[in-house]
C-alpha cells in the first residue's frame, strides 16, 4: 500500500465543492480543509506508485478549482498504538 499526502490550493470560492469532488475519486481516502498556505489536504492510498499518477495527475489536478498541488509520499506510518507496542516488548507489567 502506498500512502501519499496531497497539499492542494484551490479557488477560494470552490473549496467545499472541490473537496467533495476530490473525496469521490477512487484512491482518495480522506480530504481535509486546513489553515495556512494550502486549502485542502487529501490522503491518497493506492496499491502501487504508478497508480498515484492516475489519481493525482490525471484526476485530482483536473478538478475544477484546483490551482496547484504538491505530493508527499509516506515512507512509514507511526501511531501511538505502534509506539506503545514497540516500547512494551519484553516487559511484564
PDB file of N, CA and C in Angstrom:
ATOM      1  N   UNK A   1       0.846  -1.173   0.000  1.00  0.00           N
ATOM      2  CA  UNK A   1       0.000   0.000   0.000  1.00  0.00           C
ATOM      3  C   UNK A   1       0.891   1.236   0.000  1.00  0.00           C
ATOM      4  N   UNK A   2       0.615   2.163  -0.885  1.00  0.00           N
ATOM      5  CA  UNK A   2       1.338   3.429  -0.965  1.00  0.00           C
ATOM      6  C   UNK A   2       0.409   4.518  -0.455  1.00  0.00           C
ATOM      7  N   UNK A   3       0.892   5.311   0.497  1.00  0.00           N
ATOM      8  CA  UNK A   3       0.114   6.421   1.031  1.00  0.00           C
ATOM      9  C   UNK A   3       0.806   7.716   0.660  1.00  0.00           C
ATOM     10  N   UNK A   4       0.023   8.679   0.177  1.00  0.00           N
ATOM     11  CA  UNK A   4       0.566   9.987  -0.175  1.00  0.00           C
ATOM     12  C   UNK A   4      -0.348  11.069   0.381  1.00  0.00           C
ATOM     13  N   UNK A   5       0.272  12.169   0.770  1.00  0.00           N
ATOM     14  CA  UNK A   5      -0.463  13.331   1.249  1.00  0.00           C
ATOM     15  C   UNK A   5      -0.357  14.397   0.168  1.00  0.00           C
ATOM     16  N   UNK A   6      -1.507  14.864  -0.308  1.00  0.00           N
ATOM     17  CA  UNK A   6      -1.540  15.827  -1.399  1.00  0.00           C
ATOM     18  C   UNK A   6      -2.018  17.159  -0.850  1.00  0.00           C
ATOM     19  N   UNK A   7      -1.140  18.162  -0.878  1.00  0.00           N
ATOM     20  CA  UNK A   7      -1.487  19.506  -0.456  1.00  0.00           C
ATOM     21  C   UNK A   7      -2.057  20.228  -1.663  1.00  0.00           C
ATOM     22  N   UNK A   8      -3.200  20.879  -1.488  1.00  0.00           N
ATOM     23  CA  UNK A   8      -3.952  21.401  -2.628  1.00  0.00           C
ATOM     24  C   UNK A   8      -4.314  22.862  -2.411  1.00  0.00           C
ATOM     25  N   UNK A   9      -4.015  23.712  -3.404  1.00  0.00           N
ATOM     26  CA  UNK A   9      -4.507  25.082  -3.417  1.00  0.00           C
ATOM     27  C   UNK A   9      -5.672  25.127  -4.388  1.00  0.00           C
ATOM     28  N   UNK A  10      -6.761  25.764  -3.947  1.00  0.00           N
ATOM     29  CA  UNK A  10      -7.952  25.837  -4.782  1.00  0.00           C
ATOM     30  C   UNK A  10      -8.435  27.269  -4.891  1.00  0.00           C
ATOM     31  N   UNK A  11      -9.322  27.488  -5.822  1.00  0.00           N
ATOM     32  CA  UNK A  11     -10.062  28.742  -5.907  1.00  0.00           C
ATOM     33  C   UNK A  11     -10.870  28.834  -4.614  1.00  0.00           C
ATOM     34  N   UNK A  12     -10.716  29.912  -3.871  1.00  0.00           N
ATOM     35  CA  UNK A  12     -11.367  30.039  -2.556  1.00  0.00           C
ATOM     36  C   UNK A  12     -12.881  29.889  -2.633  1.00  0.00           C
ATOM     37  N   UNK A  13     -13.465  30.250  -3.749  1.00  0.00           N
ATOM     38  CA  UNK A  13     -14.927  30.162  -3.871  1.00  0.00           C
ATOM     39  C   UNK A  13     -15.405  28.739  -4.124  1.00  0.00           C
ATOM     40  N   UNK A  14     -14.468  27.813  -4.378  1.00  0.00           N
ATOM     41  CA  UNK A  14     -14.850  26.423  -4.680  1.00  0.00           C
ATOM     42  C   UNK A  14     -14.268  25.406  -3.704  1.00  0.00           C
ATOM     43  N   UNK A  15     -13.790  25.833  -2.559  1.00  0.00           N
ATOM     44  CA  UNK A  15     -13.164  24.885  -1.634  1.00  0.00           C
ATOM     45  C   UNK A  15     -14.104  23.729  -1.277  1.00  0.00           C
ATOM     46  N   UNK A  16     -15.338  23.978  -0.824  1.00  0.00           N
ATOM     47  CA  UNK A  16     -16.196  22.833  -0.462  1.00  0.00           C
ATOM     48  C   UNK A  16     -16.524  21.932  -1.649  1.00  0.00           C
ATOM     49  N   UNK A  17     -16.792  22.526  -2.798  1.00  0.00           N
ATOM     50  CA  UNK A  17     -17.136  21.727  -3.982  1.00  0.00           C
ATOM     51  C   UNK A  17     -15.937  20.914  -4.456  1.00  0.00           C
ATOM     52  N   UNK A  18     -14.764  21.548  -4.466  1.00  0.00           N
ATOM     53  CA  UNK A  18     -13.552  20.826  -4.874  1.00  0.00           C
ATOM     54  C   UNK A  18     -13.262  19.684  -3.910  1.00  0.00           C
ATOM     55  N   UNK A  19     -13.393  19.947  -2.609  1.00  0.00           N
ATOM     56  CA  UNK A  19     -13.141  18.911  -1.610  1.00  0.00           C
ATOM     57  C   UNK A  19     -14.076  17.724  -1.812  1.00  0.00           C
ATOM     58  N   UNK A  20     -15.345  17.993  -2.063  1.00  0.00           N
ATOM     59  CA  UNK A  20     -16.316  16.924  -2.266  1.00  0.00           C
ATOM     60  C   UNK A  20     -15.970  16.100  -3.502  1.00  0.00           C
ATOM     61  N   UNK A  21     -15.642  16.769  -4.599  1.00  0.00           N
ATOM     62  CA  UNK A  21     -15.299  16.058  -5.835  1.00  0.00           C
ATOM     63  C   UNK A  21     -14.025  15.237  -5.659  1.00  0.00           C
ATOM     64  N   UNK A  22     -13.046  15.793  -4.965  1.00  0.00           N
ATOM     65  CA  UNK A  22     -11.792  15.061  -4.715  1.00  0.00           C
ATOM     66  C   UNK A  22     -12.073  13.827  -3.865  1.00  0.00           C
ATOM     67  N   UNK A  23     -12.934  13.958  -2.867  1.00  0.00           N
ATOM     68  CA  UNK A  23     -13.231  12.833  -1.973  1.00  0.00           C
ATOM     69  C   UNK A  23     -13.905  11.678  -2.704  1.00  0.00           C
ATOM     70  N   UNK A  24     -14.484  11.944  -3.846  1.00  0.00           N
ATOM     71  CA  UNK A  24     -15.174  10.907  -4.621  1.00  0.00           C
ATOM     72  C   UNK A  24     -14.244  10.156  -5.572  1.00  0.00           C
ATOM     73  N   UNK A  25     -12.998  10.582  -5.681  1.00  0.00           N
ATOM     74  CA  UNK A  25     -12.032   9.912  -6.556  1.00  0.00           C
ATOM     75  C   UNK A  25     -11.598   8.597  -5.904  1.00  0.00           C
ATOM     76  N   UNK A  26     -11.660   7.519  -6.664  1.00  0.00           N
ATOM     77  CA  UNK A  26     -11.178   6.231  -6.157  1.00  0.00           C
ATOM     78  C   UNK A  26      -9.688   6.347  -5.874  1.00  0.00           C
ATOM     79  N   UNK A  27      -9.287   5.960  -4.684  1.00  0.00           N
ATOM     80  CA  UNK A  27      -7.890   6.083  -4.276  1.00  0.00           C
ATOM     81  C   UNK A  27      -7.672   7.221  -3.286  1.00  0.00           C
ATOM     82  N   UNK A  28      -8.651   8.105  -3.151  1.00  0.00           N
ATOM     83  CA  UNK A  28      -8.587   9.167  -2.144  1.00  0.00           C
ATOM     84  C   UNK A  28      -9.398   8.691  -0.950  1.00  0.00           C
ATOM     85  N   UNK A  29      -8.742   8.583   0.205  1.00  0.00           N
ATOM     86  CA  UNK A  29      -9.451   8.064   1.377  1.00  0.00           C
ATOM     87  C   UNK A  29      -9.998   9.170   2.266  1.00  0.00           C
ATOM     88  N   UNK A  30      -9.348  10.334   2.263  1.00  0.00           N
ATOM     89  CA  UNK A  30      -9.781  11.432   3.129  1.00  0.00           C
ATOM     90  C   UNK A  30      -9.406  12.754   2.490  1.00  0.00           C
ATOM     91  N   UNK A  31     -10.200  13.781   2.786  1.00  0.00           N
ATOM     92  CA  UNK A  31      -9.883  15.148   2.369  1.00  0.00           C
ATOM     93  C   UNK A  31     -10.183  16.061   3.545  1.00  0.00           C
ATOM     94  N   UNK A  32      -9.221  16.916   3.868  1.00  0.00           N
ATOM     95  CA  UNK A  32      -9.374  17.853   4.987  1.00  0.00           C
ATOM     96  C   UNK A  32      -9.242  19.282   4.484  1.00  0.00           C
ATOM     97  N   UNK A  33     -10.074  20.180   4.980  1.00  0.00           N
ATOM     98  CA  UNK A  33      -9.831  21.607   4.769  1.00  0.00           C
ATOM     99  C   UNK A  33      -8.923  22.045   5.910  1.00  0.00           C
ATOM    100  N   UNK A  34      -7.938  22.875   5.585  1.00  0.00           N
ATOM    101  CA  UNK A  34      -6.916  23.235   6.567  1.00  0.00           C
ATOM    102  C   UNK A  34      -6.613  24.731   6.498  1.00  0.00           C
ATOM    103  N   UNK A  35      -5.945  25.210   7.537  1.00  0.00           N
ATOM    104  CA  UNK A  35      -5.495  26.594   7.543  1.00  0.00           C
ATOM    105  C   UNK A  35      -4.099  26.660   6.942  1.00  0.00           C
ATOM    106  N   UNK A  36      -3.665  27.865   6.631  1.00  0.00           N
ATOM    107  CA  UNK A  36      -2.309  28.054   6.145  1.00  0.00           C
ATOM    108  C   UNK A  36      -2.242  28.247   4.650  1.00  0.00           C
ATOM    109  N   UNK A  37      -1.082  27.962   4.110  1.00  0.00           N
ATOM    110  CA  UNK A  37      -0.797  28.193   2.696  1.00  0.00           C
ATOM    111  C   UNK A  37      -1.647  27.328   1.768  1.00  0.00           C
ATOM    112  N   UNK A  38      -2.008  26.143   2.225  1.00  0.00           N
ATOM    113  CA  UNK A  38      -2.787  25.199   1.422  1.00  0.00           C
ATOM    114  C   UNK A  38      -4.236  25.210   1.894  1.00  0.00           C
ATOM    115  N   UNK A  39      -5.152  24.915   0.984  1.00  0.00           N
ATOM    116  CA  UNK A  39      -6.582  24.929   1.314  1.00  0.00           C
ATOM    117  C   UNK A  39      -7.104  23.564   1.739  1.00  0.00           C
ATOM    118  N   UNK A  40      -6.572  22.521   1.103  1.00  0.00           N
ATOM    119  CA  UNK A  40      -7.030  21.155   1.352  1.00  0.00           C
ATOM    120  C   UNK A  40      -5.826  20.228   1.446  1.00  0.00           C
ATOM    121  N   UNK A  41      -5.985  19.156   2.207  1.00  0.00           N
ATOM    122  CA  UNK A  41      -5.018  18.060   2.193  1.00  0.00           C
ATOM    123  C   UNK A  41      -5.804  16.782   1.950  1.00  0.00           C
ATOM    124  N   UNK A  42      -5.406  16.046   0.915  1.00  0.00           N
ATOM    125  CA  UNK A  42      -6.047  14.773   0.590  1.00  0.00           C
ATOM    126  C   UNK A  42      -5.082  13.645   0.922  1.00  0.00           C
ATOM    127  N   UNK A  43      -5.626  12.542   1.390  1.00  0.00           N
ATOM    128  CA  UNK A  43      -4.837  11.347   1.650  1.00  0.00           C
ATOM    129  C   UNK A  43      -5.159  10.340   0.553  1.00  0.00           C
ATOM    130  N   UNK A  44      -4.134   9.990  -0.216  1.00  0.00           N
ATOM    131  CA  UNK A  44      -4.300   9.005  -1.283  1.00  0.00           C
ATOM    132  C   UNK A  44      -3.713   7.688  -0.811  1.00  0.00           C
ATOM    133  N   UNK A  45      -4.457   6.623  -1.018  1.00  0.00           N
ATOM    134  CA  UNK A  45      -3.958   5.278  -0.690  1.00  0.00           C
ATOM    135  C   UNK A  45      -4.189   4.394  -1.913  1.00  0.00           C
ATOM    136  N   UNK A  46      -3.084   3.925  -2.498  1.00  0.00           N
ATOM    137  CA  UNK A  46      -3.149   3.118  -3.713  1.00  0.00           C
ATOM    138  C   UNK A  46      -2.245   1.901  -3.548  1.00  0.00           C
ATOM    139  N   UNK A  47      -2.412   0.937  -4.436  1.00  0.00           N
ATOM    140  CA  UNK A  47      -1.632  -0.296  -4.300  1.00  0.00           C
ATOM    141  C   UNK A  47      -0.212  -0.163  -4.810  1.00  0.00           C
ATOM    142  N   UNK A  48       0.031   0.686  -5.798  1.00  0.00           N
ATOM    143  CA  UNK A  48       1.394   0.843  -6.316  1.00  0.00           C
ATOM    144  C   UNK A  48       1.641   2.293  -6.734  1.00  0.00           C
ATOM    145  N   UNK A  49       2.912   2.664  -6.777  1.00  0.00           N
ATOM    146  CA  UNK A  49       3.289   4.045  -7.080  1.00  0.00           C
ATOM    147  C   UNK A  49       2.690   4.542  -8.394  1.00  0.00           C
ATOM    148  N   UNK A  50       2.645   3.677  -9.388  1.00  0.00           N
ATOM    149  CA  UNK A  50       2.142   4.080 -10.693  1.00  0.00           C
ATOM    150  C   UNK A  50       0.686   4.563 -10.613  1.00  0.00           C
ATOM    151  N   UNK A  51      -0.069   4.051  -9.648  1.00  0.00           N
ATOM    152  CA  UNK A  51      -1.471   4.456  -9.502  1.00  0.00           C
ATOM    153  C   UNK A  51      -1.598   5.904  -9.048  1.00  0.00           C
ATOM    154  N   UNK A  52      -0.552   6.451  -8.424  1.00  0.00           N
ATOM    155  CA  UNK A  52      -0.611   7.844  -7.997  1.00  0.00           C
ATOM    156  C   UNK A  52      -0.755   8.785  -9.186  1.00  0.00           C
ATOM    157  N   UNK A  53      -0.127   8.460 -10.288  1.00  0.00           N
ATOM    158  CA  UNK A  53      -0.239   9.299 -11.485  1.00  0.00           C
ATOM    159  C   UNK A  53      -1.683   9.404 -11.937  1.00  0.00           C
ATOM    160  N   UNK A  54      -2.402   8.296 -11.913  1.00  0.00           N
ATOM    161  CA  UNK A  54      -3.808   8.306 -12.308  1.00  0.00           C
ATOM    162  C   UNK A  54      -4.641   9.119 -11.327  1.00  0.00           C
ATOM    163  N   UNK A  55      -4.453   8.871 -10.044  1.00  0.00           N
ATOM    164  CA  UNK A  55      -5.266   9.528  -9.023  1.00  0.00           C
ATOM    165  C   UNK A  55      -4.976  11.022  -8.946  1.00  0.00           C
ATOM    166  N   UNK A  56      -3.704  11.395  -8.930  1.00  0.00           N
ATOM    167  CA  UNK A  56      -3.341  12.798  -8.692  1.00  0.00           C
ATOM    168  C   UNK A  56      -3.237  13.589  -9.994  1.00  0.00           C
ATOM    169  N   UNK A  57      -2.390  13.160 -10.894  1.00  0.00           N
ATOM    170  CA  UNK A  57      -2.163  13.939 -12.115  1.00  0.00           C
ATOM    171  C   UNK A  57      -3.337  13.877 -13.088  1.00  0.00           C
ATOM    172  N   UNK A  58      -3.912  12.706 -13.248  1.00  0.00           N
ATOM    173  CA  UNK A  58      -4.966  12.554 -14.253  1.00  0.00           C
ATOM    174  C   UNK A  58      -6.360  12.907 -13.747  1.00  0.00           C
ATOM    175  N   UNK A  59      -6.589  12.846 -12.439  1.00  0.00           N
ATOM    176  CA  UNK A  59      -7.940  13.083 -11.945  1.00  0.00           C
ATOM    177  C   UNK A  59      -8.029  14.257 -10.974  1.00  0.00           C
ATOM    178  N   UNK A  60      -7.294  14.197  -9.867  1.00  0.00           N
ATOM    179  CA  UNK A  60      -7.396  15.242  -8.849  1.00  0.00           C
ATOM    180  C   UNK A  60      -7.028  16.615  -9.403  1.00  0.00           C
ATOM    181  N   UNK A  61      -5.926  16.706 -10.108  1.00  0.00           N
ATOM    182  CA  UNK A  61      -5.466  18.009 -10.593  1.00  0.00           C
ATOM    183  C   UNK A  61      -6.382  18.617 -11.646  1.00  0.00           C
ATOM    184  N   UNK A  62      -7.295  17.823 -12.185  1.00  0.00           N
ATOM    185  CA  UNK A  62      -8.224  18.319 -13.202  1.00  0.00           C
ATOM    186  C   UNK A  62      -9.581  18.732 -12.637  1.00  0.00           C
ATOM    187  N   UNK A  63      -9.747  18.616 -11.323  1.00  0.00           N
ATOM    188  CA  UNK A  63     -10.986  19.055 -10.676  1.00  0.00           C
ATOM    189  C   UNK A  63     -11.086  20.573 -10.817  1.00  0.00           C
ATOM    190  N   UNK A  64     -12.275  21.047 -11.149  1.00  0.00           N
ATOM    191  CA  UNK A  64     -12.485  22.489 -11.286  1.00  0.00           C
ATOM    192  C   UNK A  64     -12.149  23.188  -9.976  1.00  0.00           C
ATOM    193  N   UNK A  65     -11.336  24.228 -10.062  1.00  0.00           N
ATOM    194  CA  UNK A  65     -10.948  24.992  -8.888  1.00  0.00           C
ATOM    195  C   UNK A  65      -9.576  24.641  -8.352  1.00  0.00           C
ATOM    196  N   UNK A  66      -9.055  23.460  -8.671  1.00  0.00           N
ATOM    197  CA  UNK A  66      -7.721  23.080  -8.200  1.00  0.00           C
ATOM    198  C   UNK A  66      -6.691  23.894  -8.971  1.00  0.00           C
ATOM    199  N   UNK A  67      -5.858  24.633  -8.233  1.00  0.00           N
ATOM    200  CA  UNK A  67      -4.874  25.514  -8.860  1.00  0.00           C
ATOM    201  C   UNK A  67      -3.451  24.974  -8.767  1.00  0.00           C
ATOM    202  N   UNK A  68      -3.129  24.281  -7.682  1.00  0.00           N
ATOM    203  CA  UNK A  68      -1.775  23.745  -7.510  1.00  0.00           C
ATOM    204  C   UNK A  68      -1.819  22.592  -6.519  1.00  0.00           C
ATOM    205  N   UNK A  69      -0.890  21.668  -6.694  1.00  0.00           N
ATOM    206  CA  UNK A  69      -0.758  20.554  -5.745  1.00  0.00           C
ATOM    207  C   UNK A  69       0.720  20.290  -5.500  1.00  0.00           C
ATOM    208  N   UNK A  70       0.986  19.704  -4.353  1.00  0.00           N
ATOM    209  CA  UNK A  70       2.300  19.125  -4.080  1.00  0.00           C
ATOM    210  C   UNK A  70       2.049  17.837  -3.316  1.00  0.00           C
ATOM    211  N   UNK A  71       2.817  16.827  -3.636  1.00  0.00           N
ATOM    212  CA  UNK A  71       2.557  15.496  -3.095  1.00  0.00           C
ATOM    213  C   UNK A  71       3.737  15.009  -2.259  1.00  0.00           C
ATOM    214  N   UNK A  72       3.409  14.452  -1.087  1.00  0.00           N
ATOM    215  CA  UNK A  72       4.403  13.876  -0.201  1.00  0.00           C
ATOM    216  C   UNK A  72       4.069  12.398  -0.028  1.00  0.00           C
ATOM    217  N   UNK A  73       4.995  11.521  -0.406  1.00  0.00           N
ATOM    218  CA  UNK A  73       4.785  10.084  -0.284  1.00  0.00           C
ATOM    219  C   UNK A  73       5.311   9.622   1.074  1.00  0.00           C
ATOM    220  N   UNK A  74       4.497   8.869   1.785  1.00  0.00           N
ATOM    221  CA  UNK A  74       4.879   8.375   3.108  1.00  0.00           C
ATOM    222  C   UNK A  74       5.802   7.170   2.965  1.00  0.00           C
ATOM    223  N   UNK A  75       6.851   7.156   3.785  1.00  0.00           N
ATOM    224  CA  UNK A  75       7.744   6.000   3.849  1.00  0.00           C
ATOM    225  C   UNK A  75       7.230   4.962   4.825  1.00  0.00           C
ATOM    226  N   UNK A  76       6.816   5.429   5.996  1.00  0.00           N
ATOM    227  CA  UNK A  76       6.466   4.545   7.090  1.00  0.00           C
ATOM    228  C   UNK A  76       5.393   5.234   7.920  1.00  0.00           C
ATOM    229  N   UNK A  77       4.506   4.460   8.518  1.00  0.00           N
ATOM    230  CA  UNK A  77       3.457   5.022   9.373  1.00  0.00           C
ATOM    231  C   UNK A  77       3.772   4.718  10.831  1.00  0.00           C
ATOM    232  N   UNK A  78       3.574   5.694  11.669  1.00  0.00           N
ATOM    233  CA  UNK A  78       3.749   5.536  13.101  1.00  0.00           C
ATOM    234  C   UNK A  78       2.455   5.972  13.771  1.00  0.00           C
ATOM    235  N   UNK A  79       2.052   5.254  14.777  1.00  0.00           N
ATOM    236  CA  UNK A  79       0.885   5.662  15.554  1.00  0.00           C
ATOM    237  C   UNK A  79       1.213   5.423  17.016  1.00  0.00           C
ATOM    238  N   UNK A  80       0.446   6.032  17.898  1.00  0.00           N
ATOM    239  CA  UNK A  80       0.678   5.844  19.321  1.00  0.00           C
ATOM    240  C   UNK A  80       0.564   4.367  19.690  1.00  0.00           C
ATOM    241  N   UNK A  81      -0.388   3.683  19.064  1.00  0.00           N
ATOM    242  CA  UNK A  81      -0.563   2.254  19.311  1.00  0.00           C
ATOM    243  C   UNK A  81       0.706   1.489  18.952  1.00  0.00           C
ATOM    244  N   UNK A  82       1.302   1.793  17.783  1.00  0.00           N
ATOM    245  CA  UNK A  82       2.530   1.118  17.352  1.00  0.00           C
ATOM    246  C   UNK A  82       3.682   1.418  18.302  1.00  0.00           C
ATOM    247  N   UNK A  83       3.802   2.679  18.733  1.00  0.00           N
ATOM    248  CA  UNK A  83       4.890   3.057  19.632  1.00  0.00           C
ATOM    249  C   UNK A  83       4.740   2.394  20.995  1.00  0.00           C
ATOM    250  N   UNK A  84       3.523   2.352  21.523  1.00  0.00           N
ATOM    251  CA  UNK A  84       3.285   1.686  22.805  1.00  0.00           C
ATOM    252  C   UNK A  84       3.665   0.214  22.724  1.00  0.00           C
ATOM    253  N   UNK A  85       3.295  -0.439  21.637  1.00  0.00           N
ATOM    254  CA  UNK A  85       3.608  -1.854  21.467  1.00  0.00           C
ATOM    255  C   UNK A  85       5.117  -2.073  21.379  1.00  0.00           C
ATOM    256  N   UNK A  86       5.814  -1.201  20.654  1.00  0.00           N
ATOM    257  CA  UNK A  86       7.261  -1.352  20.499  1.00  0.00           C
ATOM    258  C   UNK A  86       7.993  -1.179  21.824  1.00  0.00           C
ATOM    259  N   UNK A  87       7.573  -0.210  22.628  1.00  0.00           N
ATOM    260  CA  UNK A  87       8.260   0.053  23.891  1.00  0.00           C
ATOM    261  C   UNK A  87       7.893  -0.958  24.976  1.00  0.00           C
ATOM    262  N   UNK A  88       6.816  -1.677  24.803  1.00  0.00           N
ATOM    263  CA  UNK A  88       6.430  -2.643  25.840  1.00  0.00           C
ATOM    264  C   UNK A  88       6.929  -4.055  25.542  1.00  0.00           C
ATOM    265  N   UNK A  89       7.615  -4.255  24.432  1.00  0.00           N
ATOM    266  CA  UNK A  89       8.117  -5.580  24.088  1.00  0.00           C
ATOM    267  C   UNK A  89       9.083  -6.079  25.154  1.00  0.00           C
ATOM    268  N   UNK A  90       8.817  -7.257  25.652  1.00  0.00           N
ATOM    269  CA  UNK A  90       9.727  -7.883  26.605  1.00  0.00           C
ATOM    270  C   UNK A  90       9.579  -7.420  28.040  1.00  0.00           C
ATOM    271  N   UNK A  91       8.643  -6.559  28.288  1.00  0.00           N
ATOM    272  CA  UNK A  91       8.451  -6.094  29.665  1.00  0.00           C
ATOM    273  C   UNK A  91       7.131  -6.615  30.204  1.00  0.00           C
ATOM    274  N   UNK A  92       7.183  -7.168  31.412  1.00  0.00           N
ATOM    275  CA  UNK A  92       5.960  -7.615  32.063  1.00  0.00           C
ATOM    276  C   UNK A  92       5.440  -6.488  32.936  1.00  0.00           C
ATOM    277  N   UNK A  93       4.128  -6.341  32.955  1.00  0.00           N
ATOM    278  CA  UNK A  93       3.532  -5.270  33.778  1.00  0.00           C
ATOM    279  C   UNK A  93       3.000  -5.836  35.061  1.00  0.00           C
TER     280      UNK A  93
END
